[in-house]
Amino acid sequence: MELGIKCYNPNCTAPLGIFFWRSAPEGVLAEPFEPGANSFIVKCPFCNMDNAVWVKKVRLEKVGFGVPLAPE
């Protein structure tokens, strides 16, 4: 799963200022300090700006196709 991240740099050259991060295979973006969320610093591949990102894991059901159903 890829997460689209809006770069903090207003002059970032990423299309629409958004880059994609693949390092969160079972996660969704979360609000800062949301219960169950962890923070990461992700470097934008377009402008090298450090971006603080909050990610919360989602629960995957073993029934069906493993579609994320709800945040843990």
Protein backbone atom coordinates (compact mmCIF):
# COMPACT_ATOMS: atom_id res chain seq x y z
CA MET A 1 0.00 0.00 0.00
CA GLU A 2 1.27 3.46 -0.83
CA LEU A 3 0.39 6.54 1.17
CA GLY A 4 0.17 9.90 -0.56
CA ILE A 5 1.95 12.54 1.51
CA LYS A 6 1.67 16.29 0.99
CA CYS A 7 5.19 17.70 1.31
CA TYR A 8 5.71 20.48 3.88
CA ASN A 9 7.86 22.40 1.38
CA PRO A 10 5.62 24.91 -0.48
CA ASN A 11 8.17 24.94 -3.33
CA CYS A 12 8.37 21.15 -3.69
CA THR A 13 8.60 19.94 -7.29
CA ALA A 14 6.48 16.82 -6.70
CA PRO A 15 3.27 16.79 -8.78
CA LEU A 16 0.75 18.85 -6.73
CA GLY A 17 3.31 18.70 -3.90
CA ILE A 18 2.38 15.07 -3.18
CA PHE A 19 4.78 12.12 -3.09
CA PHE A 20 4.08 8.47 -2.34
CA TRP A 21 5.58 6.41 0.49
CA ARG A 22 5.52 2.61 0.42
CA SER A 23 6.99 1.97 3.87
CA ALA A 24 3.61 1.57 5.56
CA PRO A 25 2.17 -1.67 4.14
CA GLU A 26 -0.80 -1.96 6.50
CA GLY A 27 -1.34 1.60 7.62
CA VAL A 28 -3.42 4.69 7.06
CA LEU A 29 -2.54 8.31 7.70
CA ALA A 30 -3.58 9.49 11.16
CA GLU A 31 -3.86 12.70 13.12
CA PRO A 32 -0.91 13.69 15.35
CA PHE A 33 -1.03 11.94 18.74
CA GLU A 34 -4.08 9.86 17.71
CA PRO A 35 -4.32 6.71 19.89
CA GLY A 36 -2.48 3.85 18.20
CA ALA A 37 -0.64 6.12 15.75
CA ASN A 38 3.13 6.26 15.34
CA SER A 39 5.15 9.12 13.91
CA PHE A 40 7.81 8.84 11.23
CA ILE A 41 10.08 11.30 9.47
CA VAL A 42 9.84 10.73 5.73
CA LYS A 43 12.20 12.48 3.31
CA CYS A 44 10.54 13.79 0.15
CA PRO A 45 12.27 12.22 -2.87
CA PHE A 46 11.69 15.41 -4.90
CA CYS A 47 13.07 18.14 -2.62
CA ASN A 48 14.69 16.24 0.32
CA MET A 49 12.45 17.98 2.88
CA ASP A 50 11.84 15.99 6.09
CA ASN A 51 8.10 15.44 6.62
CA ALA A 52 6.55 14.28 9.89
CA VAL A 53 3.95 11.61 9.15
CA TRP A 54 1.55 9.90 11.56
CA VAL A 55 0.46 6.38 10.61
CA LYS A 56 -2.01 4.05 12.27
CA LYS A 57 -2.08 0.32 11.56
CA VAL A 58 -5.29 -1.20 10.26
CA ARG A 59 -6.72 -4.56 11.20
CA LEU A 60 -6.77 -7.08 8.36
CA GLU A 61 -9.39 -9.81 8.33
CA LYS A 62 -8.30 -13.28 7.26
CA VAL A 63 -11.69 -13.83 5.60
CA GLY A 64 -12.08 -12.66 2.00
CA PHE A 65 -9.28 -10.79 0.33
CA GLY A 66 -7.67 -9.21 3.39
CA VAL A 67 -9.27 -5.84 2.82
CA PRO A 68 -8.59 -3.37 5.64
CA LEU A 69 -11.82 -3.02 7.60
CA ALA A 70 -11.19 -0.63 10.46
CA PRO A 71 -8.38 1.00 12.39
CA GLU A 72 -7.23 -0.98 15.42
